[in-house]
Protein backbone atom coordinates (compact mmCIF):
# COMPACT_ATOMS: atom_id res chain seq x y z
CA MET A 1 -0.29 0.22 -0.16
CA THR A 2 0.98 3.52 -0.24
CA PRO A 3 0.13 5.92 2.66
CA ASP A 4 -1.62 9.26 1.90
CA SER A 5 1.01 11.71 1.53
CA THR A 6 1.23 15.75 1.39
CA MET A 7 4.99 15.64 0.89
CA LYS A 8 6.53 14.69 -2.24
CA VAL A 9 8.70 12.60 -0.55
CA LYS A 10 8.59 10.97 2.48
CA ALA A 11 9.98 7.43 3.84
CA ILE A 12 8.05 6.95 7.22
CA ASP A 13 4.34 7.17 8.01
CA TRP A 14 2.34 6.25 11.02
CA GLN A 15 -1.43 5.39 10.40
CA ALA A 16 -3.84 3.84 12.92
CA GLY A 17 -1.40 2.75 15.29
CA GLU A 18 0.87 1.28 12.85
CA LEU A 19 4.06 2.06 11.29
CA PHE A 20 4.99 2.04 7.26
CA LEU A 21 8.28 2.54 5.90
CA LEU A 22 9.31 3.16 2.52
CA ASP A 23 11.61 0.61 1.63
CA GLN A 24 14.64 2.25 0.71
CA ARG A 25 16.79 -0.81 -0.82
CA LEU A 26 14.01 -0.97 -3.89
CA LEU A 27 14.23 2.76 -5.08
CA PRO A 28 14.16 4.27 -7.34
CA HIS A 29 12.22 1.33 -9.56
CA GLN A 30 9.89 0.09 -6.72
CA GLU A 31 7.67 2.43 -3.92
CA VAL A 32 7.32 -0.53 -1.77
CA TRP A 33 5.49 0.70 1.54
CA VAL A 34 6.30 -2.19 4.35
CA LYS A 35 4.00 -2.20 7.32
CA CYS A 36 5.12 -2.89 10.73
CA SER A 37 3.39 -3.66 13.48
CA ARG A 38 5.75 -5.94 15.93
CA VAL A 39 9.41 -4.43 17.01
CA ASP A 40 11.25 -7.49 15.70
CA GLU A 41 10.05 -6.14 12.63
CA VAL A 42 11.03 -2.40 12.88
CA VAL A 43 14.19 -3.82 14.49
CA ALA A 44 15.11 -5.76 10.56
CA ALA A 45 14.07 -2.97 9.02
CA ILE A 46 16.76 -0.68 10.68
CA ARG A 47 19.08 -3.72 10.95
CA ASP A 48 18.83 -4.50 7.16
CA MET A 49 18.93 -1.12 5.79
CA LEU A 50 14.85 -0.77 5.09
CA VAL A 51 15.30 2.21 6.48
CA ARG A 52 18.25 4.72 6.67
CA GLY A 53 19.90 7.93 7.69
CA ALA A 54 20.24 9.13 11.27
CA PRO A 55 17.17 11.01 12.24
CA ALA A 56 14.82 8.41 10.41
CA ILE A 57 16.20 5.52 12.04
CA GLY A 58 15.58 7.60 15.60
CA ILE A 59 12.13 8.51 14.69
CA THR A 60 11.57 4.52 13.34
CA ALA A 61 12.93 3.40 16.87
CA ALA A 62 10.78 5.55 18.55
CA TYR A 63 7.95 3.98 16.98
CA GLY A 64 9.45 0.80 17.62
CA VAL A 65 9.29 1.68 21.24
CA ALA A 66 5.41 2.48 21.00
CA LEU A 67 4.43 -0.87 19.23
CA ALA A 68 6.84 -2.92 21.35
CA ALA A 69 4.94 -1.62 24.41
CA ARG A 70 1.45 -2.52 23.30
CA GLN A 71 2.50 -5.74 22.49
CA ARG A 72 4.11 -6.52 25.99
CA TYR A 73 1.03 -4.71 27.68
CA ARG A 74 -1.29 -7.26 25.86
CA GLU A 75 1.12 -10.58 26.80
CA ASN A 76 1.22 -9.55 30.23
CA ALA A 77 -0.47 -6.04 31.63
CA GLU A 78 1.55 -6.36 35.11
CA ALA A 79 5.09 -6.87 33.68
CA TRP A 80 5.10 -5.40 30.37
CA GLN A 81 7.25 -2.92 31.71
CA ALA A 82 9.87 -5.22 32.74
CA ASP A 83 9.65 -7.66 29.39
CA ILE A 84 10.18 -4.80 26.87
CA GLU A 85 13.78 -4.21 28.19
CA GLU A 86 14.67 -6.79 25.89
CA ASP A 87 12.85 -5.20 23.05
CA LEU A 88 14.76 -1.90 23.85
CA HIS A 89 17.61 -3.27 23.50
CA ALA A 90 16.94 -5.16 20.19
CA LEU A 91 16.12 -1.65 19.03
CA GLN A 92 19.62 -0.40 20.65
CA THR A 93 22.18 -2.56 18.83
CA SER A 94 20.13 -2.49 15.42
CA ARG A 95 22.85 -0.01 13.95
CA PRO A 96 25.50 1.08 16.78
CA THR A 97 26.71 4.66 14.85
CA ALA A 98 23.56 6.59 14.33
CA VAL A 99 23.51 8.80 17.51
CA ASN A 100 19.77 9.72 16.88
CA LEU A 101 19.12 5.95 17.52
CA SER A 102 20.21 5.92 21.18
CA TRP A 103 18.87 9.70 21.76
CA ALA A 104 15.45 8.84 20.89
CA LEU A 105 15.13 5.48 23.06
CA LYS A 106 16.23 7.96 25.88
CA GLN A 107 13.44 9.90 24.96
CA MET A 108 11.10 6.95 24.84
CA ARG A 109 12.52 6.15 28.42
CA ARG A 110 11.46 9.19 30.08
CA GLN A 111 7.92 8.66 28.92
CA LEU A 112 8.11 4.90 30.07
CA VAL A 113 8.89 5.48 33.96
CA ASN A 114 6.08 8.18 34.14
CA ILE A 115 3.52 5.20 32.88
CA LYS A 116 1.78 3.78 36.03
CA PRO A 117 1.43 -0.14 36.37
CA GLY A 118 -1.64 -1.68 35.12
CA VAL A 119 -2.21 1.27 32.64
CA ASP A 120 -1.65 0.94 28.93
CA PRO A 121 1.06 2.26 27.71
CA PHE A 122 0.02 2.69 24.13
CA PRO A 123 -1.57 5.87 23.55
CA THR A 124 0.96 7.67 25.58
CA LEU A 125 4.27 6.50 23.86
CA SER A 126 2.67 6.56 20.33
CA ALA A 127 1.75 10.23 20.13
CA PHE A 128 5.35 10.93 22.14
CA ALA A 129 6.63 9.42 18.89
CA GLU A 130 4.69 11.31 16.88
CA ALA A 131 5.66 14.27 18.75
CA ILE A 132 9.56 13.52 17.72
CA HIS A 133 8.52 12.68 14.13
CA GLN A 134 6.86 16.24 14.06
CA ALA A 135 9.84 18.06 15.91
CA ASP A 136 12.37 16.28 13.41
CA LEU A 137 10.33 17.94 10.46
CA GLU A 138 9.90 21.16 11.80
CA ALA A 139 13.97 21.18 12.69
CA ASN A 140 14.52 20.43 9.37
CA LEU A 141 12.09 23.33 8.01
CA LEU A 142 13.99 25.93 9.87
CA MET A 143 17.56 24.35 9.01
CA GLY A 144 16.96 24.59 5.49
CA LYS A 145 16.01 28.11 5.93
CA LEU A 146 19.21 29.16 7.95
CA GLY A 147 21.49 27.46 5.34
CA ALA A 148 19.92 28.93 2.27
CA GLU A 149 20.75 32.25 3.87
CA ILE A 150 24.44 30.99 3.88
CA LEU A 151 24.51 29.70 0.16
CA ALA A 152 22.84 33.14 -0.74
CA SER A 153 25.66 35.24 0.93
CA ASN A 154 28.37 33.07 -0.07
CA GLN A 155 28.79 32.04 -3.36
CA ASP A 156 32.33 32.71 -4.16
CA HIS A 157 33.09 29.92 -6.67
CA GLY A 158 29.51 29.60 -8.10
CA ARG A 159 25.81 28.63 -8.03
CA GLU A 160 26.23 25.09 -7.84
CA VAL A 161 26.51 22.71 -4.75
CA MET A 162 27.52 18.83 -4.07
CA THR A 163 26.07 16.54 -1.97
CA HIS A 164 27.13 13.08 -1.07
CA CYS A 165 24.89 9.86 0.23
CA ASN A 166 21.20 10.70 1.07
CA ALA A 167 20.62 13.46 3.15
CA GLY A 168 16.83 14.31 2.55
CA ALA A 169 13.79 13.56 2.91
CA LEU A 170 14.01 9.92 3.20
CA ALA A 171 16.63 9.84 5.71
CA THR A 172 14.74 12.17 7.92
CA GLY A 173 10.87 13.05 8.90
CA GLY A 174 10.43 14.80 5.94
CA TYR A 175 12.31 17.47 3.92
CA GLY A 176 15.56 16.82 4.55
CA THR A 177 18.89 17.92 6.38
CA ALA A 178 21.73 18.68 3.54
CA LEU A 179 18.91 18.31 0.84
CA GLY A 180 16.72 20.93 2.99
CA VAL A 181 19.09 23.35 2.52
CA ILE A 182 19.33 22.46 -1.20
CA ARG A 183 15.35 22.50 -1.74
CA ALA A 184 15.14 25.81 -0.10
CA ALA A 185 18.05 27.59 -1.61
CA TRP A 186 16.69 26.03 -5.03
CA GLU A 187 13.22 27.89 -4.12
CA ARG A 188 15.16 31.46 -3.17
CA LYS A 189 16.64 30.78 -6.32
CA VAL A 190 20.31 31.12 -4.90
CA ILE A 191 21.64 28.00 -6.80
CA ASP A 192 21.36 26.35 -10.26
CA LYS A 193 22.56 22.72 -10.24
CA VAL A 194 23.81 20.17 -8.07
CA HIS A 195 26.78 17.56 -8.47
CA VAL A 196 25.66 14.18 -7.09
CA ASN A 197 27.98 12.00 -5.81
CA GLU A 198 26.86 8.07 -6.59
CA THR A 199 27.83 7.07 -3.09
CA ARG A 200 29.38 3.45 -3.39
CA PRO A 201 28.41 0.45 -2.05
CA TRP A 202 24.94 1.36 -1.51
CA LEU A 203 24.69 4.05 -4.02
CA GLN A 204 22.32 6.61 -2.07
CA GLY A 205 23.36 9.19 -4.14
CA SER A 206 22.33 7.63 -7.62
CA ARG A 207 19.09 5.61 -6.44
CA LEU A 208 17.86 8.03 -3.52
CA THR A 209 19.24 11.47 -3.73
CA ALA A 210 18.91 11.85 -7.11
CA TRP A 211 15.51 10.58 -7.21
CA GLU A 212 14.20 12.83 -4.39
CA LEU A 213 15.92 15.87 -6.62
CA GLU A 214 14.11 14.45 -10.03
CA LYS A 215 10.98 14.38 -8.27
CA GLU A 216 11.59 18.51 -7.15
CA GLY A 217 12.13 19.49 -10.46
CA ILE A 218 15.85 20.53 -9.46
CA PRO A 219 18.51 20.19 -11.94
CA SER A 220 21.02 17.72 -10.98
CA LEU A 221 24.13 16.36 -12.55
CA LEU A 222 25.19 12.20 -10.91
CA HIS A 223 28.68 11.56 -11.47
CA VAL A 224 30.88 8.11 -9.93
CA ASP A 225 32.71 9.22 -6.11
CA SER A 226 35.89 9.24 -7.72
CA ALA A 227 35.14 12.29 -10.04
CA ALA A 228 34.34 14.57 -7.23
CA ALA A 229 37.88 16.32 -6.94
CA HIS A 230 37.39 16.72 -11.20
CA GLN A 231 34.12 18.47 -10.68
CA LEU A 232 34.91 20.56 -8.22
CA LYS A 233 38.01 21.74 -10.47
CA ASN A 234 36.19 22.72 -13.36
CA SER A 235 32.56 23.28 -12.17
CA PRO A 236 31.18 26.66 -10.74
CA ILE A 237 30.89 24.61 -7.26
CA SER A 238 31.07 26.81 -4.04
CA TRP A 239 29.56 24.31 -1.45
CA ILE A 240 29.59 20.93 -0.47
CA ILE A 241 26.82 20.08 1.55
CA VAL A 242 26.06 17.05 3.74
CA GLY A 243 24.35 15.54 6.71
CA ALA A 244 25.68 13.48 9.67
CA ASP A 245 25.50 10.34 11.66
CA ARG A 246 26.92 11.61 14.52
CA ILE A 247 28.91 14.87 15.83
CA THR A 248 31.43 15.20 18.29
CA ALA A 249 31.81 17.30 21.57
CA HIS A 250 34.40 19.37 19.71
CA GLY A 251 32.98 19.31 16.31
CA ASP A 252 34.29 15.84 14.55
CA VAL A 253 31.74 14.72 12.21
CA ALA A 254 30.86 10.93 11.37
CA ASN A 255 29.37 10.68 7.82
CA LYS A 256 28.84 8.36 5.31
CA ILE A 257 32.16 7.04 3.67
CA GLY A 258 33.91 9.32 1.32
CA THR A 259 32.75 12.58 3.37
CA TYR A 260 36.20 12.97 4.71
CA GLN A 261 37.76 12.89 1.07
CA LEU A 262 35.25 15.48 0.14
CA ALA A 263 36.10 17.85 2.61
CA VAL A 264 39.99 17.60 1.70
CA GLN A 265 39.22 18.45 -1.81
CA ALA A 266 36.62 21.10 -0.99
CA LEU A 267 39.62 22.83 1.28
CA HIS A 268 41.99 22.34 -1.65
CA HIS A 269 39.24 24.01 -4.33
CA GLY A 270 38.07 26.59 -2.32
CA ALA A 271 34.21 25.49 -2.00
CA GLY A 272 33.28 25.48 1.73
CA LEU A 273 31.80 22.54 3.23
CA MET A 274 28.15 23.13 5.20
CA VAL A 275 27.32 20.51 7.77
CA VAL A 276 23.50 20.06 8.62
CA ALA A 277 22.21 17.92 11.25
CA PRO A 278 19.62 18.14 14.38
CA THR A 279 21.04 18.77 17.95
CA SER A 280 20.12 15.25 18.79
CA THR A 281 23.19 13.85 16.36
CA ILE A 282 25.28 15.79 18.21
CA ASP A 283 26.79 13.61 20.85
CA MET A 284 28.37 15.72 24.19
CA GLU A 285 29.16 12.51 25.61
CA LEU A 286 31.99 11.72 23.14
CA GLU A 287 34.95 14.18 22.88
CA TYR A 288 36.58 13.39 19.42
CA GLY A 289 36.06 11.20 16.59
CA GLU A 290 38.15 8.69 17.06
CA ASP A 291 35.81 7.99 20.08
CA ILE A 292 33.21 6.63 17.62
CA GLU A 293 31.98 3.37 16.96
CA ILE A 294 32.65 2.53 12.70
CA GLU A 295 30.16 0.12 11.72
CA GLN A 296 31.81 -2.23 9.13
CA ARG A 297 29.21 -4.14 6.62
CA SER A 298 29.84 -7.10 4.80
CA ALA A 299 32.33 -7.51 2.28
CA ASP A 300 29.15 -8.66 -0.33
CA GLU A 301 28.16 -4.97 -0.50
CA VAL A 302 31.67 -4.30 -2.34
CA LEU A 303 32.51 -7.54 -3.87
CA CYS A 304 28.84 -7.90 -5.86
CA ALA A 305 26.43 -5.32 -8.03
CA GLY A 306 23.14 -6.76 -8.19
CA GLY A 307 23.39 -10.13 -7.13
CA GLN A 308 26.47 -10.93 -9.55
CA ARG A 309 29.68 -11.41 -8.05
CA VAL A 310 32.30 -9.02 -9.32
CA GLY A 311 35.28 -8.68 -7.27
CA ALA A 312 38.28 -10.93 -7.10
CA GLU A 313 39.10 -13.26 -4.21
CA ILE A 314 40.74 -10.78 -2.01
CA GLU A 315 39.95 -9.19 1.63
CA VAL A 316 37.57 -6.38 2.12
CA THR A 317 37.38 -3.53 3.92
CA ASN A 318 33.61 -1.87 4.46
CA PRO A 319 33.71 0.99 6.68
CA VAL A 320 30.30 2.69 6.84
CA PHE A 321 31.30 5.80 7.74
CA ASP A 322 34.31 7.93 8.16
CA ILE A 323 35.46 10.96 10.29
CA THR A 324 35.71 14.37 9.36
CA PRO A 325 37.79 16.56 11.99
CA ALA A 326 35.85 20.04 12.94
CA ASP A 327 38.57 22.01 11.44
CA LEU A 328 37.61 21.02 7.75
CA VAL A 329 34.01 22.12 8.59
CA ASP A 330 33.10 25.75 7.45
CA TYR A 331 29.37 25.66 8.58
CA LEU A 332 27.40 23.43 11.33
CA VAL A 333 23.57 24.08 10.58
CA THR A 334 20.86 22.73 13.16
CA GLU A 335 17.76 23.85 14.44
CA LYS A 336 19.42 25.55 17.22
CA GLY A 337 21.35 27.94 15.22
CA VAL A 338 24.18 27.95 12.81
CA ILE A 339 27.93 27.52 14.22
CA HIS A 340 30.99 28.64 11.81
CA ARG A 341 34.10 26.73 12.39
CA PRO A 342 32.35 24.39 15.33
CA ASP A 343 34.58 23.86 18.30
CA LYS A 344 34.02 22.61 22.13
CA GLU A 345 33.12 25.91 23.49
CA GLN A 346 30.46 26.94 20.66
CA LEU A 347 28.76 23.37 20.82
CA GLN A 348 28.14 23.90 24.63
CA LYS A 349 26.79 27.10 23.87
CA LEU A 350 24.45 26.12 21.11
CA MET A 351 23.59 22.97 23.41
CA SER A 352 22.39 24.89 26.05
CA ARG A 353 19.79 26.98 23.94
CA LYS A 354 16.09 26.43 23.33
CA SER A 355 15.30 25.34 19.53
CA MET A 356 14.38 28.12 17.71
CA HIS A 357 11.44 26.58 16.10
């Protein structure tokens, strides 16, 4: 089924107490919505990358807690709060790097402890998960506006931008982080074209970002990851705009593998690097990027294409993320405001503010 939608692109829908996820593994050729009624289905969806993108993973996990509570309450109304711990652990360990996952689970835990024994937890938890979802959408709209204002005033090299992976509506509660800025900038007529890295090995750029941009009618140009430096040298690109899966207290950024090399290339070619992420992505308990656990995935993702083996018999490393040092980040855009050249002092001040929306 396809849920009703007022947005051109979205990946998460909550209807009548059921969670629907757009299977992003099948895009752009098939738009298939998967219904999740149980927490084990949510865990599998996160683990198997049916849903991906740090904010979207967090939102999905929040809905997963509500579904788990409903299931446990029906099984044992008196002991459901003890039984649900197993489900919370399964959600917590489904993907290790995206901090939004643990952030959302912490928010849901705070609601759990306030529910009295014998009271059906589902109405409270489902409403709170919906609030997390809505807050993420509102944050994205605000970040889009803030980022577009920076682009409007800083176009030293031209009116084109580059992005990596997918930090759009598909990776969030809607609108997007990096693509939210690009959407807002296009609406304000301050950019002319988007350069899209294909983003090996899952091709989130060529499959997902290109699909979103096409739906929005935003002119874009796809290229292989290894052509990025060539494009930066020969095209009027002023900005590389990316999302983040985790940001440390000192401003180091974990994002899709390939982001670090883009940051280095941007510095050489005089383009700016803008990281766009909600404050739920900032982990003040981790000091530096070296403290972040980097997820390694299956060698088959590198050795195979379309289910067909294409690589030789060789040992493979397949890190999903890399770390971009804070000193390579020109702007960090969040729903609480913008930081130029992020560092620990600025991040501490940012995190103490109230949201602007």
